[in-house]
Amino acid sequence: MNECSPFQTVFISGSKPRLLRRGNHNKKLCKKHLECHWESMSASYANFGEKVPYIPTRVLQGSLLRQWFAVQIRYRFEKKVAAQLRDKGCEIYLPLRTESHSWSDRQKIVATPIFPGYAFVRLDSSGTERRRVLETAGLIGFVGFGKMTAPIPLHQIENLQRLQKENARFSMHPFAKAGQRVRVRGGSLEGLEGIFLEHDKGTLVISIDAIQRSLAIEIRGYELELI
């Protein structure tokens, strides 16, 4: 929308877009409309807290805003739960890494969860998908703080997916939240954001706040920029 235009488009649920002339009355109408959207969402997000700096503020036209949430799963049931959720049509992300397991007579490469006992699901605010997720055998529940659950910022999920896509070498790291935030410039990890630990041999730490877990990536040779 052109800021200099004397008109603005207002979407009202159940009706076609209306072109209205700017003015105090219309500003009040827009504000009231946005507040109604927020109130209608808060009813669906009654169990969602806001411990991470990501606040859902709107409903996308024609569909509900989809966000990532962490779920806790019984130990060693991660793959089974992920398969059940996929069969239900849910969007599930279970980060895996390959490990070499050796026995006296053989050696085997296996895929194991990066965060044992956790996975991530992408849901809308309707509540229908949430119930489908909770009705999964082996799933304990949504991860939250007290009785509240919070959405995971999209960039944290994208960081994990980038590491897997590029087969970057990483290791588990104690949860880190404080420090100088940087972004990688250039190379296969361009755009990756995290906390730079200069004292720890040039290590970049990425974290998932909701489950209090971190991964460390060695970034020697990469160019960094402050965020």
C-alpha atoms as a PDB file:
ATOM      1  CA  MET A   1       0.000   0.000   0.000  1.00  0.00           C
ATOM      2  CA  ASN A   2       1.342   3.415  -0.909  1.00  0.00           C
ATOM      3  CA  GLU A   3       1.861   5.502   2.247  1.00  0.00           C
ATOM      4  CA  CYS A   4       0.854   8.656   0.307  1.00  0.00           C
ATOM      5  CA  SER A   5      -2.417   7.183  -0.912  1.00  0.00           C
ATOM      6  CA  PRO A   6      -5.589   8.675   0.640  1.00  0.00           C
ATOM      7  CA  PHE A   7      -7.128   5.213   0.627  1.00  0.00           C
ATOM      8  CA  GLN A   8      -6.429   2.020   2.512  1.00  0.00           C
ATOM      9  CA  THR A   9      -7.756  -1.514   2.124  1.00  0.00           C
ATOM     10  CA  VAL A  10      -9.419  -3.073   5.153  1.00  0.00           C
ATOM     11  CA  PHE A  11     -10.165  -6.811   5.363  1.00  0.00           C
ATOM     12  CA  ILE A  12     -13.131  -7.756   7.499  1.00  0.00           C
ATOM     13  CA  SER A  13     -13.834 -11.425   8.202  1.00  0.00           C
ATOM     14  CA  GLY A  14     -16.619 -12.836   6.040  1.00  0.00           C
ATOM     15  CA  SER A  15     -16.633  -9.947   3.574  1.00  0.00           C
ATOM     16  CA  LYS A  16     -14.784  -8.644   0.525  1.00  0.00           C
ATOM     17  CA  PRO A  17     -11.979  -6.072   0.879  1.00  0.00           C
ATOM     18  CA  ARG A  18     -13.278  -2.528   1.316  1.00  0.00           C
ATOM     19  CA  LEU A  19     -11.421   0.572   0.094  1.00  0.00           C
ATOM     20  CA  LEU A  20     -11.822   3.329   2.688  1.00  0.00           C
ATOM     21  CA  ARG A  21     -10.625   6.937   2.808  1.00  0.00           C
ATOM     22  CA  ARG A  22      -8.059   7.655   5.493  1.00  0.00           C
ATOM     23  CA  GLY A  23      -9.204   9.494   8.582  1.00  0.00           C
ATOM     24  CA  ASN A  24      -9.507   9.209  12.357  1.00  0.00           C
ATOM     25  CA  HIS A  25     -12.667   7.145  12.078  1.00  0.00           C
ATOM     26  CA  ASN A  26     -10.965   4.658   9.769  1.00  0.00           C
ATOM     27  CA  LYS A  27      -7.900   4.478  11.993  1.00  0.00           C
ATOM     28  CA  LYS A  28     -10.154   3.497  14.865  1.00  0.00           C
ATOM     29  CA  LEU A  29     -11.851   0.925  12.642  1.00  0.00           C
ATOM     30  CA  CYS A  30      -8.503  -0.595  11.632  1.00  0.00           C
ATOM     31  CA  LYS A  31      -7.288  -0.658  15.224  1.00  0.00           C
ATOM     32  CA  LYS A  32     -10.505  -2.281  16.377  1.00  0.00           C
ATOM     33  CA  HIS A  33     -10.300  -4.821  13.567  1.00  0.00           C
ATOM     34  CA  LEU A  34      -6.720  -5.767  14.436  1.00  0.00           C
ATOM     35  CA  GLU A  35      -7.621  -6.064  18.090  1.00  0.00           C
ATOM     36  CA  CYS A  36     -10.489  -8.378  17.175  1.00  0.00           C
ATOM     37  CA  HIS A  37      -8.071 -10.538  15.229  1.00  0.00           C
ATOM     38  CA  TRP A  38      -5.719 -10.610  18.199  1.00  0.00           C
ATOM     39  CA  GLU A  39      -8.499 -11.486  20.622  1.00  0.00           C
ATOM     40  CA  SER A  40      -9.738 -14.268  18.346  1.00  0.00           C
ATOM     41  CA  MET A  41      -6.211 -15.662  18.230  1.00  0.00           C
ATOM     42  CA  SER A  42      -5.644 -15.376  21.954  1.00  0.00           C
ATOM     43  CA  ALA A  43      -8.594 -17.665  22.502  1.00  0.00           C
ATOM     44  CA  SER A  44      -6.794 -20.315  20.470  1.00  0.00           C
ATOM     45  CA  TYR A  45      -3.442 -19.494  22.042  1.00  0.00           C
ATOM     46  CA  ALA A  46      -4.796 -19.652  25.579  1.00  0.00           C
ATOM     47  CA  ASN A  47      -2.150 -22.225  26.493  1.00  0.00           C
ATOM     48  CA  PHE A  48       0.704 -20.454  24.712  1.00  0.00           C
ATOM     49  CA  GLY A  49       3.141 -18.281  26.690  1.00  0.00           C
ATOM     50  CA  GLU A  50       5.560 -15.719  25.350  1.00  0.00           C
ATOM     51  CA  LYS A  51       9.030 -16.531  26.679  1.00  0.00           C
ATOM     52  CA  VAL A  52      10.829 -16.119  23.354  1.00  0.00           C
ATOM     53  CA  PRO A  53      10.957 -12.864  21.389  1.00  0.00           C
ATOM     54  CA  TYR A  54       8.449 -13.892  18.758  1.00  0.00           C
ATOM     55  CA  ILE A  55       4.872 -12.607  19.009  1.00  0.00           C
ATOM     56  CA  PRO A  56       2.118 -13.712  16.614  1.00  0.00           C
ATOM     57  CA  THR A  57       0.196 -10.549  15.710  1.00  0.00           C
ATOM     58  CA  ARG A  58      -1.947 -11.412  12.723  1.00  0.00           C
ATOM     59  CA  VAL A  59      -3.924 -13.974  10.792  1.00  0.00           C
ATOM     60  CA  LEU A  60      -2.857 -14.523   7.202  1.00  0.00           C
ATOM     61  CA  GLN A  61      -5.640 -13.905   4.687  1.00  0.00           C
ATOM     62  CA  GLY A  62      -7.321 -17.238   3.923  1.00  0.00           C
ATOM     63  CA  SER A  63      -5.259 -19.317   6.379  1.00  0.00           C
ATOM     64  CA  LEU A  64      -4.073 -19.388   9.965  1.00  0.00           C
ATOM     65  CA  LEU A  65      -0.508 -18.483  10.851  1.00  0.00           C
ATOM     66  CA  ARG A  66       1.613 -21.644  11.270  1.00  0.00           C
ATOM     67  CA  GLN A  67       4.391 -21.770  13.860  1.00  0.00           C
ATOM     68  CA  TRP A  68       6.919 -24.277  15.190  1.00  0.00           C
ATOM     69  CA  PHE A  69       6.584 -25.854  18.633  1.00  0.00           C
ATOM     70  CA  ALA A  70       8.742 -28.340  20.521  1.00  0.00           C
ATOM     71  CA  VAL A  71       7.272 -31.620  21.755  1.00  0.00           C
ATOM     72  CA  GLN A  72       8.719 -34.019  24.307  1.00  0.00           C
ATOM     73  CA  ILE A  73       8.837 -37.699  23.378  1.00  0.00           C
ATOM     74  CA  ARG A  74       9.608 -40.897  25.252  1.00  0.00           C
ATOM     75  CA  TYR A  75      13.283 -41.803  25.015  1.00  0.00           C
ATOM     76  CA  ARG A  76      14.037 -44.036  21.990  1.00  0.00           C
ATOM     77  CA  PHE A  77      10.520 -43.411  20.612  1.00  0.00           C
ATOM     78  CA  GLU A  78      11.477 -40.347  18.551  1.00  0.00           C
ATOM     79  CA  LYS A  79      11.403 -42.035  15.111  1.00  0.00           C
ATOM     80  CA  LYS A  80       8.198 -43.950  15.847  1.00  0.00           C
ATOM     81  CA  VAL A  81       6.416 -40.791  16.976  1.00  0.00           C
ATOM     82  CA  ALA A  82       7.683 -38.879  13.918  1.00  0.00           C
ATOM     83  CA  ALA A  83       6.364 -41.633  11.620  1.00  0.00           C
ATOM     84  CA  GLN A  84       2.942 -41.565  13.329  1.00  0.00           C
ATOM     85  CA  LEU A  85       2.687 -37.786  13.003  1.00  0.00           C
ATOM     86  CA  ARG A  86       3.603 -37.922   9.311  1.00  0.00           C
ATOM     87  CA  ASP A  87       0.899 -40.549   8.774  1.00  0.00           C
ATOM     88  CA  LYS A  88      -1.574 -38.126  10.374  1.00  0.00           C
ATOM     89  CA  GLY A  89      -0.544 -35.417   7.925  1.00  0.00           C
ATOM     90  CA  CYS A  90       1.273 -33.310  10.538  1.00  0.00           C
ATOM     91  CA  GLU A  91       4.388 -31.316   9.663  1.00  0.00           C
ATOM     92  CA  ILE A  92       7.126 -32.827  11.828  1.00  0.00           C
ATOM     93  CA  TYR A  93      10.851 -32.084  12.000  1.00  0.00           C
ATOM     94  CA  LEU A  94      13.114 -34.577  13.789  1.00  0.00           C
ATOM     95  CA  PRO A  95      16.766 -33.470  13.469  1.00  0.00           C
ATOM     96  CA  LEU A  96      19.013 -36.531  13.040  1.00  0.00           C
ATOM     97  CA  ARG A  97      22.747 -37.141  12.816  1.00  0.00           C
ATOM     98  CA  THR A  98      24.671 -40.258  11.765  1.00  0.00           C
ATOM     99  CA  GLU A  99      26.839 -42.159  14.210  1.00  0.00           C
ATOM    100  CA  SER A 100      29.060 -45.194  13.844  1.00  0.00           C
ATOM    101  CA  HIS A 101      28.286 -47.954  16.344  1.00  0.00           C
ATOM    102  CA  SER A 102      30.822 -50.747  16.708  1.00  0.00           C
ATOM    103  CA  TRP A 103      30.382 -54.238  18.088  1.00  0.00           C
ATOM    104  CA  SER A 104      32.839 -57.104  18.354  1.00  0.00           C
ATOM    105  CA  ASP A 105      31.677 -58.620  15.061  1.00  0.00           C
ATOM    106  CA  ARG A 106      30.325 -55.694  13.068  1.00  0.00           C
ATOM    107  CA  GLN A 107      30.057 -51.950  12.592  1.00  0.00           C
ATOM    108  CA  LYS A 108      26.889 -50.066  11.713  1.00  0.00           C
ATOM    109  CA  ILE A 109      26.041 -46.488  10.753  1.00  0.00           C
ATOM    110  CA  VAL A 110      22.827 -45.354  12.454  1.00  0.00           C
ATOM    111  CA  ALA A 111      20.805 -42.125  12.456  1.00  0.00           C
ATOM    112  CA  THR A 112      20.104 -40.830  15.952  1.00  0.00           C
ATOM    113  CA  PRO A 113      18.214 -37.734  17.171  1.00  0.00           C
ATOM    114  CA  ILE A 114      20.354 -34.654  17.674  1.00  0.00           C
ATOM    115  CA  PHE A 115      18.185 -33.780  20.673  1.00  0.00           C
ATOM    116  CA  PRO A 116      17.088 -37.091  22.259  1.00  0.00           C
ATOM    117  CA  GLY A 117      13.536 -36.896  23.558  1.00  0.00           C
ATOM    118  CA  TYR A 118      12.511 -33.886  21.448  1.00  0.00           C
ATOM    119  CA  ALA A 119      11.076 -33.083  18.026  1.00  0.00           C
ATOM    120  CA  PHE A 120       9.392 -30.077  16.415  1.00  0.00           C
ATOM    121  CA  VAL A 121       5.918 -29.748  14.909  1.00  0.00           C
ATOM    122  CA  ARG A 122       4.462 -26.913  12.847  1.00  0.00           C
ATOM    123  CA  LEU A 123       0.882 -26.048  13.735  1.00  0.00           C
ATOM    124  CA  ASP A 124      -1.773 -23.429  13.118  1.00  0.00           C
ATOM    125  CA  SER A 125      -3.880 -21.891  15.879  1.00  0.00           C
ATOM    126  CA  SER A 126      -7.071 -23.855  15.205  1.00  0.00           C
ATOM    127  CA  GLY A 127      -6.464 -26.453  17.925  1.00  0.00           C
ATOM    128  CA  THR A 128      -7.371 -29.367  15.638  1.00  0.00           C
ATOM    129  CA  GLU A 129      -3.767 -30.210  14.754  1.00  0.00           C
ATOM    130  CA  ARG A 130      -2.708 -29.731  18.364  1.00  0.00           C
ATOM    131  CA  ARG A 131      -5.185 -32.404  19.480  1.00  0.00           C
ATOM    132  CA  ARG A 132      -3.974 -34.768  16.750  1.00  0.00           C
ATOM    133  CA  VAL A 133      -0.412 -34.347  17.977  1.00  0.00           C
ATOM    134  CA  LEU A 134      -1.326 -34.998  21.616  1.00  0.00           C
ATOM    135  CA  GLU A 135      -3.172 -38.188  20.643  1.00  0.00           C
ATOM    136  CA  THR A 136       0.071 -39.820  19.461  1.00  0.00           C
ATOM    137  CA  ALA A 137       1.462 -42.879  21.244  1.00  0.00           C
ATOM    138  CA  GLY A 138       4.856 -42.176  22.794  1.00  0.00           C
ATOM    139  CA  LEU A 139       4.433 -38.395  22.806  1.00  0.00           C
ATOM    140  CA  ILE A 140       4.548 -36.837  26.268  1.00  0.00           C
ATOM    141  CA  GLY A 141       3.367 -33.319  25.463  1.00  0.00           C
ATOM    142  CA  PHE A 142       4.306 -29.832  24.327  1.00  0.00           C
ATOM    143  CA  VAL A 143       7.391 -28.221  25.813  1.00  0.00           C
ATOM    144  CA  GLY A 144       6.678 -25.081  27.777  1.00  0.00           C
ATOM    145  CA  PHE A 145       7.386 -22.986  30.828  1.00  0.00           C
ATOM    146  CA  GLY A 146       5.029 -23.943  33.632  1.00  0.00           C
ATOM    147  CA  LYS A 147       1.624 -24.404  32.036  1.00  0.00           C
ATOM    148  CA  MET A 148       2.470 -22.230  29.037  1.00  0.00           C
ATOM    149  CA  THR A 149       3.954 -23.297  25.702  1.00  0.00           C
ATOM    150  CA  ALA A 150       5.726 -20.897  23.373  1.00  0.00           C
ATOM    151  CA  PRO A 151       6.373 -20.890  19.611  1.00  0.00           C
ATOM    152  CA  ILE A 152       9.960 -21.321  18.411  1.00  0.00           C
ATOM    153  CA  PRO A 153      11.356 -18.473  16.278  1.00  0.00           C
ATOM    154  CA  LEU A 154      11.589 -19.604  12.666  1.00  0.00           C
ATOM    155  CA  HIS A 155      15.292 -18.722  12.339  1.00  0.00           C
ATOM    156  CA  GLN A 156      16.199 -21.252  15.059  1.00  0.00           C
ATOM    157  CA  ILE A 157      14.593 -24.080  13.072  1.00  0.00           C
ATOM    158  CA  GLU A 158      16.185 -22.821   9.846  1.00  0.00           C
ATOM    159  CA  ASN A 159      19.620 -22.838  11.519  1.00  0.00           C
ATOM    160  CA  LEU A 160      19.239 -26.542  12.306  1.00  0.00           C
ATOM    161  CA  GLN A 161      18.011 -27.348   8.822  1.00  0.00           C
ATOM    162  CA  ARG A 162      20.946 -25.449   7.296  1.00  0.00           C
ATOM    163  CA  LEU A 163      23.445 -27.478   9.342  1.00  0.00           C
ATOM    164  CA  GLN A 164      21.900 -30.732   8.162  1.00  0.00           C
ATOM    165  CA  LYS A 165      21.680 -29.644   4.550  1.00  0.00           C
ATOM    166  CA  GLU A 166      25.342 -28.621   4.420  1.00  0.00           C
ATOM    167  CA  ASN A 167      26.537 -31.614   6.491  1.00  0.00           C
ATOM    168  CA  ALA A 168      28.361 -29.176   8.754  1.00  0.00           C
ATOM    169  CA  ARG A 169      30.380 -30.640  11.600  1.00  0.00           C
ATOM    170  CA  PHE A 170      29.008 -29.756  15.020  1.00  0.00           C
ATOM    171  CA  SER A 171      28.989 -30.986  18.593  1.00  0.00           C
ATOM    172  CA  MET A 172      26.725 -30.677  21.599  1.00  0.00           C
ATOM    173  CA  HIS A 173      27.385 -27.604  23.736  1.00  0.00           C
ATOM    174  CA  PRO A 174      26.103 -26.403  27.127  1.00  0.00           C
ATOM    175  CA  PHE A 175      23.098 -24.147  26.589  1.00  0.00           C
ATOM    176  CA  ALA A 176      24.326 -20.631  25.788  1.00  0.00           C
ATOM    177  CA  LYS A 177      22.185 -17.532  25.592  1.00  0.00           C
ATOM    178  CA  ALA A 178      24.458 -14.645  26.541  1.00  0.00           C
ATOM    179  CA  GLY A 179      27.223 -13.387  24.257  1.00  0.00           C
ATOM    180  CA  GLN A 180      27.960 -11.483  21.037  1.00  0.00           C
ATOM    181  CA  ARG A 181      25.427 -12.384  18.354  1.00  0.00           C
ATOM    182  CA  VAL A 182      26.884 -12.685  14.845  1.00  0.00           C
ATOM    183  CA  ARG A 183      25.906 -13.779  11.336  1.00  0.00           C
ATOM    184  CA  VAL A 184      28.064 -15.822   8.946  1.00  0.00           C
ATOM    185  CA  ARG A 185      28.866 -14.106   5.642  1.00  0.00           C
ATOM    186  CA  GLY A 186      29.819 -16.194   2.618  1.00  0.00           C
ATOM    187  CA  GLY A 187      30.438 -19.904   2.267  1.00  0.00           C
ATOM    188  CA  SER A 188      28.049 -22.802   2.726  1.00  0.00           C
ATOM    189  CA  LEU A 189      26.829 -21.472   6.085  1.00  0.00           C
ATOM    190  CA  GLU A 190      26.026 -17.946   4.895  1.00  0.00           C
ATOM    191  CA  GLY A 191      23.224 -16.402   6.921  1.00  0.00           C
ATOM    192  CA  LEU A 192      23.641 -18.710   9.911  1.00  0.00           C
ATOM    193  CA  GLU A 193      23.183 -16.760  13.149  1.00  0.00           C
ATOM    194  CA  GLY A 194      24.370 -17.566  16.639  1.00  0.00           C
ATOM    195  CA  ILE A 195      26.537 -16.581  19.592  1.00  0.00           C
ATOM    196  CA  PHE A 196      30.262 -16.209  18.928  1.00  0.00           C
ATOM    197  CA  LEU A 197      32.583 -17.658  21.576  1.00  0.00           C
ATOM    198  CA  GLU A 198      36.018 -16.283  20.706  1.00  0.00           C
ATOM    199  CA  HIS A 199      37.647 -17.848  23.758  1.00  0.00           C
ATOM    200  CA  ASP A 200      36.459 -21.289  22.649  1.00  0.00           C
ATOM    201  CA  LYS A 201      38.610 -21.601  19.461  1.00  0.00           C
ATOM    202  CA  GLY A 202      36.324 -19.595  17.198  1.00  0.00           C
ATOM    203  CA  THR A 203      33.083 -21.411  17.909  1.00  0.00           C
ATOM    204  CA  LEU A 204      29.599 -20.378  16.837  1.00  0.00           C
ATOM    205  CA  VAL A 205      26.820 -21.621  19.122  1.00  0.00           C
ATOM    206  CA  ILE A 206      23.221 -21.933  17.940  1.00  0.00           C
ATOM    207  CA  SER A 207      20.471 -22.596  20.455  1.00  0.00           C
ATOM    208  CA  ILE A 208      16.862 -23.708  20.689  1.00  0.00           C
ATOM    209  CA  ASP A 209      15.570 -21.696  23.626  1.00  0.00           C
ATOM    210  CA  ALA A 210      12.397 -23.747  24.133  1.00  0.00           C
ATOM    211  CA  ILE A 211      14.300 -26.957  24.960  1.00  0.00           C
ATOM    212  CA  GLN A 212      17.407 -25.270  26.423  1.00  0.00           C
ATOM    213  CA  ARG A 213      19.796 -27.047  24.023  1.00  0.00           C
ATOM    214  CA  SER A 214      22.767 -25.733  22.025  1.00  0.00           C
ATOM    215  CA  LEU A 215      25.085 -26.908  19.252  1.00  0.00           C
ATOM    216  CA  ALA A 216      28.631 -25.704  18.598  1.00  0.00           C
ATOM    217  CA  ILE A 217      30.022 -25.220  15.072  1.00  0.00           C
ATOM    218  CA  GLU A 218      33.676 -24.470  14.318  1.00  0.00           C
ATOM    219  CA  ILE A 219      33.788 -21.438  12.013  1.00  0.00           C
ATOM    220  CA  ARG A 220      37.483 -20.832  11.385  1.00  0.00           C
ATOM    221  CA  GLY A 221      37.951 -19.140   8.016  1.00  0.00           C
ATOM    222  CA  TYR A 222      34.413 -17.739   7.869  1.00  0.00           C
ATOM    223  CA  GLU A 223      33.706 -14.004   7.807  1.00  0.00           C
ATOM    224  CA  LEU A 224      31.348 -12.787  10.537  1.00  0.00           C
ATOM    225  CA  GLU A 225      29.250  -9.669  10.955  1.00  0.00           C
ATOM    226  CA  LEU A 226      27.718  -8.312  14.136  1.00  0.00           C
ATOM    227  CA  ILE A 227      23.934  -8.423  14.498  1.00  0.00           C
END
